[in-house]
Amino acid sequence: NVSSSWNVGIIDGLSGWRASVDDVPADTISRRFRYDVALVSALKDLEEDIMEGLKERGIDDSTCTSGFTVVVKESCDGMGDVSEKQGCGPAVPEKAVRFSFTVMSISFKAEGEEDAVTIFQEKKPNSELSCRPLCLMFVDESDHEMLTAILGPVVAERKAMKESRLILAIGGLLRSFRFFFRATGCDEKMVRDMEGLEAAGSTYICTLCDSTRAEASQNMVLHSITRSHDENLERYEIWRTNPFSESAEELRDRVKGVSAKPFLETQPTLDALHCDIGNATEFYKIFQDEIGEVYLKSNPTREQRRSWRSALDKQLRKNLKLKPVMRMNGNYARRLMTR
C-alpha cells in the first residue's frame, strides 16, 4: 500500500531491508525518493506547461478533471568507478547505479471522445535537464541479487502506480492522472540483468528473441520480437524447479538463457549508444568504398579492401586523432559521427 502522505523527502534505499541473524547485512548505501512523491513533484513542476497545453488546444480546464495520461520513460545505468582514491569512508562497493525517469508526454482524453489530445511533449527527452533521479545506490550493476533487493521496493511502488490513479491539484482543481511506464532507457547489459537473462557473452545473443549465435549468423534479416517479461518469469520458474528432471544443458535450452528472476519489465528498444555505433559502422564502410571507388569495380578483392581500410584509418588518425580499432566502440563512433 502506498501512503497518502506525499511530503516525504529523501529516504533510505535500504529501509525495507530486514537485518537478522539469518540475513546478510547490507554492505552498501542507497538513497532514493518514493516513486509517487517523485511523480507528484515532476507534475507540479510541469503545472504551467499542462495549463498552457490545455489552453492551446482550446480545452476548458474547469471541465477536465479526469482522463489525463502520463507516459514515463525510465532509465537505469551504471555510473562506473566512484571509489575514494584517498580517505577512509565506509566499506561499500566501488561502483554505483542510478535509476531515473523522464516525463515524456501528458495527454488528455475527454469523455465520449475516441482520441486523446497531447497537451505536453518533452522537447529534449534525452537531456539530463529533463531526467529526474529516483534512486542512487553503491552497487555493481552486474550484482543481480543486490540490484533486485534495492530496486524491489521501487518496482512495488511502480506497480501500485500502474494499477491506480493519482489525484493531484493542478491549476486549482483536483485532477486524476494515470501512468504508463516505459523502461526504455537501459542498455543491453542492464536489460539482461533486469530480465534475468545470461550475460552478453551468452549463446542466446538476443534480448528480444530466442535466437542463438549460430541461428542469428544464418539469418541476418528476418527476426521478430518473441520474448516477454511474463514468459521470462515462467522460464525462471522452470529453471528454478526443473519440473522435467532434465540435464543442465537440456534445461538451459528449454529456458533459452533465463538464469535469474526477472524483476522489472523493459521495452524493446535500441539505445542511443548502439544507434551511434550502428550508424558509424555503416558510414565507415561507405568511406572505405568511396576511397576505393567501388562503384567502378565489380568485385574488389580482399587485399584491395584492406588497402582502402588502411588509407581510411590513416586519414582518421591524421585529421580526427582516431586510432584504428578492431571493433567499433562508443567513443570512436561518437567522434566519427560528430566531426
Protein backbone atom coordinates (compact mmCIF):
# COMPACT_ATOMS: atom_id res chain seq x y z
CA ASN A 1 0.00 0.00 0.00
CA VAL A 2 1.26 3.46 -0.91
CA SER A 3 0.90 6.03 1.84
CA SER A 4 -1.36 9.03 1.16
CA SER A 5 1.28 11.31 2.66
CA TRP A 6 3.33 12.94 -0.10
CA ASN A 7 5.58 15.43 1.74
CA VAL A 8 8.39 12.91 2.07
CA GLY A 9 11.97 13.81 1.17
CA ILE A 10 14.97 11.59 0.51
CA ILE A 11 14.62 8.20 2.20
CA ASP A 12 16.99 5.33 2.92
CA GLY A 13 17.01 3.00 -0.08
CA LEU A 14 17.60 0.07 2.30
CA SER A 15 14.63 0.86 4.55
CA GLY A 16 12.91 -2.38 3.54
CA TRP A 17 15.99 -4.50 4.18
CA ARG A 18 15.45 -6.83 7.14
CA ALA A 19 18.66 -7.36 9.12
CA SER A 20 18.53 -10.53 11.20
CA VAL A 21 20.78 -13.36 12.28
CA ASP A 22 19.98 -15.35 9.13
CA ASP A 23 20.22 -12.44 6.68
CA VAL A 24 23.44 -10.95 5.43
CA PRO A 25 23.78 -7.28 6.46
CA ALA A 26 23.74 -4.81 3.57
CA ASP A 27 27.28 -3.55 2.91
CA THR A 28 26.06 -0.73 0.70
CA ILE A 29 24.42 2.70 0.83
CA SER A 30 21.34 3.74 -1.13
CA ARG A 31 19.24 6.90 -1.15
CA ARG A 32 16.02 7.45 -3.08
CA PHE A 33 12.72 9.27 -3.38
CA ARG A 34 9.43 7.44 -3.08
CA TYR A 35 8.15 6.91 -6.62
CA ASP A 36 4.73 8.53 -6.16
CA VAL A 37 6.29 11.52 -4.40
CA ALA A 38 8.78 11.98 -7.25
CA LEU A 39 5.98 11.85 -9.83
CA VAL A 40 3.94 14.41 -7.87
CA SER A 41 6.98 16.71 -7.80
CA ALA A 42 7.52 16.26 -11.55
CA LEU A 43 3.87 17.04 -12.38
CA LYS A 44 3.85 20.10 -10.11
CA ASP A 45 6.95 21.36 -11.93
CA LEU A 46 5.04 20.94 -15.20
CA GLU A 47 1.86 22.62 -13.91
CA GLU A 48 2.28 25.72 -16.11
CA ASP A 49 3.02 23.57 -19.18
CA ILE A 50 -0.11 21.46 -18.54
CA MET A 51 -2.37 24.51 -18.21
CA GLU A 52 -0.77 26.13 -21.26
CA GLY A 53 -1.29 22.93 -23.25
CA LEU A 54 -4.99 22.82 -22.36
CA LYS A 55 -5.35 26.47 -23.35
CA GLU A 56 -3.58 25.98 -26.70
CA ARG A 57 -5.86 23.04 -27.51
CA GLY A 58 -8.94 25.10 -26.71
CA ILE A 59 -9.96 22.85 -23.82
CA ASP A 60 -11.87 24.37 -20.92
CA ASP A 61 -9.66 23.47 -17.95
CA SER A 62 -12.57 23.79 -15.50
CA THR A 63 -14.30 20.75 -17.03
CA CYS A 64 -11.36 18.34 -17.38
CA THR A 65 -10.64 16.80 -14.02
CA SER A 66 -10.03 13.23 -15.22
CA GLY A 67 -8.71 11.45 -18.29
CA PHE A 68 -5.07 12.56 -18.02
CA THR A 69 -2.43 10.04 -19.11
CA VAL A 70 1.29 10.39 -18.34
CA VAL A 71 3.97 8.42 -20.21
CA VAL A 72 7.14 7.98 -18.15
CA LYS A 73 10.48 6.82 -19.57
CA GLU A 74 12.65 5.00 -17.03
CA SER A 75 16.42 4.77 -17.22
CA CYS A 76 18.88 2.71 -15.21
CA ASP A 77 22.61 2.51 -15.80
CA GLY A 78 25.90 2.07 -14.01
CA MET A 79 27.92 5.19 -13.17
CA GLY A 80 31.29 3.44 -13.29
CA ASP A 81 34.04 3.71 -10.69
CA VAL A 82 33.11 6.09 -7.86
CA SER A 83 35.64 4.86 -5.31
CA GLU A 84 37.53 7.17 -2.99
CA LYS A 85 41.16 7.47 -4.06
CA GLN A 86 42.08 8.72 -0.59
CA GLY A 87 40.08 8.79 2.58
CA CYS A 88 38.55 6.31 4.96
CA GLY A 89 34.86 6.19 4.05
CA PRO A 90 32.54 3.22 4.66
CA ALA A 91 33.35 -0.14 3.06
CA VAL A 92 30.92 -0.10 0.15
CA PRO A 93 31.12 -1.27 -3.49
CA GLU A 94 33.29 0.98 -5.65
CA LYS A 95 30.64 1.24 -8.36
CA ALA A 96 27.27 3.00 -8.39
CA VAL A 97 23.95 2.66 -10.23
CA ARG A 98 21.45 5.44 -10.96
CA PHE A 99 17.73 4.85 -11.58
CA SER A 100 15.93 7.86 -13.05
CA PHE A 101 12.83 8.81 -15.02
CA THR A 102 11.63 11.39 -17.55
CA VAL A 103 8.05 12.59 -18.11
CA MET A 104 7.81 12.10 -21.88
CA SER A 105 4.26 13.25 -22.56
CA ILE A 106 0.93 14.11 -20.96
CA SER A 107 -2.31 13.63 -22.87
CA PHE A 108 -5.97 14.28 -22.14
CA LYS A 109 -8.98 12.30 -23.33
CA ALA A 110 -12.41 13.86 -22.84
CA GLU A 111 -15.45 11.71 -22.09
CA GLY A 112 -17.09 10.45 -25.26
CA GLU A 113 -14.02 11.17 -27.39
CA GLU A 114 -12.09 8.38 -29.12
CA ASP A 115 -8.70 10.06 -29.44
CA ALA A 116 -6.55 11.61 -26.74
CA VAL A 117 -5.02 15.06 -27.20
CA THR A 118 -1.37 15.60 -26.29
CA ILE A 119 -1.05 18.67 -24.07
CA PHE A 120 2.62 18.27 -23.15
CA GLN A 121 5.54 16.71 -25.04
CA GLU A 122 9.09 16.76 -23.69
CA LYS A 123 11.15 18.64 -26.28
CA LYS A 124 14.50 17.25 -25.10
CA PRO A 125 13.77 13.72 -23.86
CA ASN A 126 17.45 12.72 -23.73
CA SER A 127 18.62 15.83 -21.90
CA GLU A 128 19.96 15.50 -18.36
CA LEU A 129 17.82 18.55 -17.50
CA SER A 130 14.59 16.59 -18.04
CA CYS A 131 15.91 13.40 -16.42
CA ARG A 132 14.94 13.15 -12.73
CA PRO A 133 16.94 10.91 -10.36
CA LEU A 134 14.88 8.47 -8.33
CA CYS A 135 17.42 6.16 -6.71
CA LEU A 136 21.20 6.22 -6.25
CA MET A 137 23.00 3.17 -4.88
CA PHE A 138 26.51 1.90 -4.32
CA VAL A 139 26.27 -1.39 -6.18
CA ASP A 140 27.87 -3.12 -9.16
CA GLU A 141 25.28 -3.31 -11.96
CA SER A 142 26.38 -6.93 -12.53
CA ASP A 143 25.29 -7.86 -8.99
CA HIS A 144 21.78 -9.12 -9.78
CA GLU A 145 20.89 -10.06 -6.20
CA MET A 146 21.86 -6.69 -4.70
CA LEU A 147 20.17 -4.78 -7.52
CA THR A 148 16.99 -6.82 -7.06
CA ALA A 149 16.98 -6.23 -3.30
CA ILE A 150 17.42 -2.45 -3.56
CA LEU A 151 15.09 -1.84 -6.51
CA GLY A 152 12.43 -4.27 -5.22
CA PRO A 153 10.52 -1.55 -3.29
CA VAL A 154 10.80 0.80 -6.31
CA VAL A 155 9.26 -1.88 -8.54
CA ALA A 156 6.47 -2.44 -5.98
CA GLU A 157 5.67 1.30 -5.89
CA ARG A 158 5.77 1.39 -9.69
CA LYS A 159 3.27 -1.47 -9.85
CA ALA A 160 0.98 0.33 -7.38
CA MET A 161 1.10 3.47 -9.55
CA LYS A 162 0.27 1.45 -12.70
CA GLU A 163 -2.82 -0.02 -11.08
CA SER A 164 -4.19 3.18 -9.54
CA ARG A 165 -4.87 6.85 -10.26
CA LEU A 166 -3.07 9.85 -8.82
CA ILE A 167 -5.34 12.74 -7.80
CA LEU A 168 -3.41 15.99 -7.75
CA ALA A 169 -4.29 19.69 -7.59
CA ILE A 170 -3.24 21.27 -10.91
CA GLY A 171 -4.44 24.77 -11.78
CA GLY A 172 -6.56 24.99 -8.64
CA LEU A 173 -8.60 21.83 -9.37
CA LEU A 174 -8.13 18.20 -8.39
CA ARG A 175 -7.29 16.17 -11.48
CA SER A 176 -6.84 12.42 -12.00
CA PHE A 177 -3.67 11.09 -13.66
CA ARG A 178 -2.92 7.61 -14.97
CA PHE A 179 0.66 6.46 -15.56
CA PHE A 180 2.29 4.29 -18.21
CA PHE A 181 5.89 3.30 -17.52
CA ARG A 182 8.35 2.50 -20.30
CA ALA A 183 11.74 1.19 -19.18
CA THR A 184 13.45 2.10 -22.46
CA GLY A 185 16.50 3.89 -21.02
CA CYS A 186 18.50 0.74 -20.27
CA ASP A 187 21.43 -0.63 -22.25
CA GLU A 188 21.72 -4.31 -23.17
CA LYS A 189 23.71 -5.18 -20.04
CA MET A 190 21.04 -3.71 -17.76
CA VAL A 191 18.19 -5.24 -19.78
CA ARG A 192 19.78 -8.67 -19.35
CA ASP A 193 20.13 -8.04 -15.62
CA MET A 194 16.54 -6.84 -15.16
CA GLU A 195 15.01 -9.58 -17.31
CA GLY A 196 17.06 -12.35 -15.68
CA LEU A 197 18.97 -13.27 -18.85
CA GLU A 198 22.51 -14.60 -19.12
CA ALA A 199 25.28 -12.03 -19.64
CA ALA A 200 26.25 -10.59 -23.03
CA GLY A 201 28.61 -13.48 -23.87
CA SER A 202 25.69 -15.93 -23.82
CA THR A 203 24.89 -18.31 -26.68
CA TYR A 204 21.44 -16.68 -26.63
CA ILE A 205 22.57 -13.49 -28.29
CA CYS A 206 19.31 -11.53 -28.42
CA THR A 207 17.27 -9.90 -25.64
CA LEU A 208 14.20 -9.74 -27.91
CA CYS A 209 14.01 -13.29 -29.30
CA ASP A 210 15.31 -16.81 -28.64
CA SER A 211 17.96 -16.86 -31.39
CA THR A 212 21.33 -18.41 -30.68
CA ARG A 213 24.54 -17.06 -32.22
CA ALA A 214 24.54 -19.86 -34.79
CA GLU A 215 20.90 -19.21 -35.78
CA ALA A 216 21.47 -15.45 -35.99
CA SER A 217 24.50 -15.90 -38.26
CA GLN A 218 22.35 -17.90 -40.69
CA ASN A 219 19.50 -15.37 -40.63
CA MET A 220 20.57 -11.72 -40.51
CA VAL A 221 17.30 -10.24 -41.83
CA LEU A 222 14.09 -11.88 -40.64
CA HIS A 223 13.58 -11.51 -36.89
CA SER A 224 10.56 -10.98 -34.68
CA ILE A 225 10.16 -9.98 -31.03
CA THR A 226 9.16 -13.15 -29.18
CA ARG A 227 10.46 -12.65 -25.63
CA SER A 228 8.26 -11.08 -22.96
CA HIS A 229 8.62 -10.29 -19.27
CA ASP A 230 5.87 -12.74 -18.27
CA GLU A 231 7.43 -15.52 -20.34
CA ASN A 232 10.83 -14.83 -18.76
CA LEU A 233 9.21 -15.20 -15.31
CA GLU A 234 7.68 -18.54 -16.35
CA ARG A 235 11.02 -19.73 -17.69
CA TYR A 236 12.75 -18.72 -14.47
CA GLU A 237 10.33 -20.92 -12.50
CA ILE A 238 11.16 -23.82 -14.84
CA TRP A 239 14.88 -23.08 -14.37
CA ARG A 240 14.44 -22.98 -10.59
CA THR A 241 12.29 -26.11 -10.19
CA ASN A 242 13.39 -28.25 -13.19
CA PRO A 243 9.97 -29.99 -13.33
CA PHE A 244 11.02 -32.37 -16.13
CA SER A 245 14.22 -33.52 -14.37
CA GLU A 246 16.38 -32.54 -17.33
CA SER A 247 20.14 -32.23 -17.53
CA ALA A 248 21.73 -28.79 -17.15
CA GLU A 249 22.18 -28.44 -20.92
CA GLU A 250 18.61 -29.56 -21.72
CA LEU A 251 17.21 -27.23 -19.07
CA ARG A 252 19.23 -24.29 -20.40
CA ASP A 253 17.93 -24.98 -23.90
CA ARG A 254 14.35 -25.07 -22.61
CA VAL A 255 14.54 -21.70 -20.80
CA LYS A 256 16.53 -20.02 -23.63
CA GLY A 257 19.12 -18.28 -21.48
CA VAL A 258 16.99 -17.23 -18.48
CA SER A 259 19.09 -17.85 -15.37
CA ALA A 260 17.81 -15.39 -12.73
CA LYS A 261 14.48 -13.95 -11.63
CA PRO A 262 13.31 -11.01 -13.81
CA PHE A 263 12.26 -8.08 -11.64
CA LEU A 264 11.49 -5.15 -13.98
CA GLU A 265 9.73 -5.23 -17.34
CA THR A 266 11.69 -3.49 -20.10
CA GLN A 267 10.52 -2.46 -23.57
CA PRO A 268 12.24 -3.45 -26.84
CA THR A 269 14.39 -0.54 -27.90
CA LEU A 270 17.76 0.49 -29.27
CA ASP A 271 19.66 2.90 -27.04
CA ALA A 272 21.48 5.97 -28.37
CA LEU A 273 24.91 4.37 -27.93
CA HIS A 274 24.11 1.45 -30.22
CA CYS A 275 22.43 3.79 -32.73
CA ASP A 276 25.72 5.72 -32.88
CA ILE A 277 27.74 2.52 -33.24
CA GLY A 278 25.42 1.19 -35.97
CA ASN A 279 25.50 4.46 -37.91
CA ALA A 280 29.27 4.85 -37.56
CA THR A 281 29.85 1.26 -38.73
CA GLU A 282 27.81 1.87 -41.89
CA PHE A 283 29.48 5.20 -42.63
CA TYR A 284 32.92 3.64 -42.03
CA LYS A 285 32.09 1.09 -44.76
CA ILE A 286 30.82 3.85 -47.07
CA PHE A 287 34.02 5.88 -46.55
CA GLN A 288 36.10 2.81 -47.46
CA ASP A 289 34.08 2.23 -50.63
CA GLU A 290 34.44 5.89 -51.61
CA ILE A 291 38.22 5.77 -51.17
CA GLY A 292 38.43 2.67 -53.37
CA GLU A 293 35.83 3.98 -55.87
CA VAL A 294 33.96 0.71 -55.50
CA TYR A 295 31.31 1.83 -57.99
CA LEU A 296 33.94 1.38 -60.74
CA LYS A 297 34.86 -2.15 -59.64
CA SER A 298 32.52 -5.12 -59.93
CA ASN A 299 34.15 -7.46 -57.42
CA PRO A 300 37.05 -5.98 -55.39
CA THR A 301 39.49 -8.41 -53.77
CA ARG A 302 40.13 -8.73 -50.05
CA GLU A 303 43.57 -7.15 -50.49
CA GLN A 304 42.04 -4.11 -52.21
CA ARG A 305 39.51 -3.63 -49.40
CA ARG A 306 42.30 -3.97 -46.84
CA SER A 307 44.29 -1.21 -48.55
CA TRP A 308 41.20 1.05 -48.59
CA ARG A 309 40.68 0.47 -44.87
CA SER A 310 44.33 1.24 -44.20
CA ALA A 311 44.05 4.50 -46.16
CA LEU A 312 40.89 5.48 -44.25
CA ASP A 313 42.47 4.68 -40.87
CA LYS A 314 45.48 6.80 -41.82
CA GLN A 315 43.24 9.78 -42.68
CA LEU A 316 41.15 9.39 -39.50
CA ARG A 317 44.30 9.22 -37.37
CA LYS A 318 45.72 12.32 -39.05
CA ASN A 319 42.59 14.52 -39.11
CA LEU A 320 40.46 13.29 -36.17
CA LYS A 321 43.19 11.75 -33.97
CA LEU A 322 41.25 8.46 -34.10
CA LYS A 323 43.35 5.35 -33.65
CA PRO A 324 42.24 2.24 -35.59
CA VAL A 325 40.02 -0.11 -33.57
CA MET A 326 39.34 -3.79 -34.11
CA ARG A 327 35.70 -3.38 -33.12
CA MET A 328 33.61 -0.20 -33.24
CA ASN A 329 33.14 1.24 -29.74
CA GLY A 330 31.05 4.09 -28.38
CA ASN A 331 33.70 6.80 -28.06
CA TYR A 332 35.09 6.09 -31.54
CA ALA A 333 31.57 6.13 -33.04
CA ARG A 334 30.61 9.43 -31.37
CA ARG A 335 33.77 11.20 -32.53
CA LEU A 336 33.40 9.84 -36.06
CA MET A 337 29.75 10.94 -36.30
CA THR A 338 30.09 14.39 -34.69
CA ARG A 339 33.13 15.79 -36.51
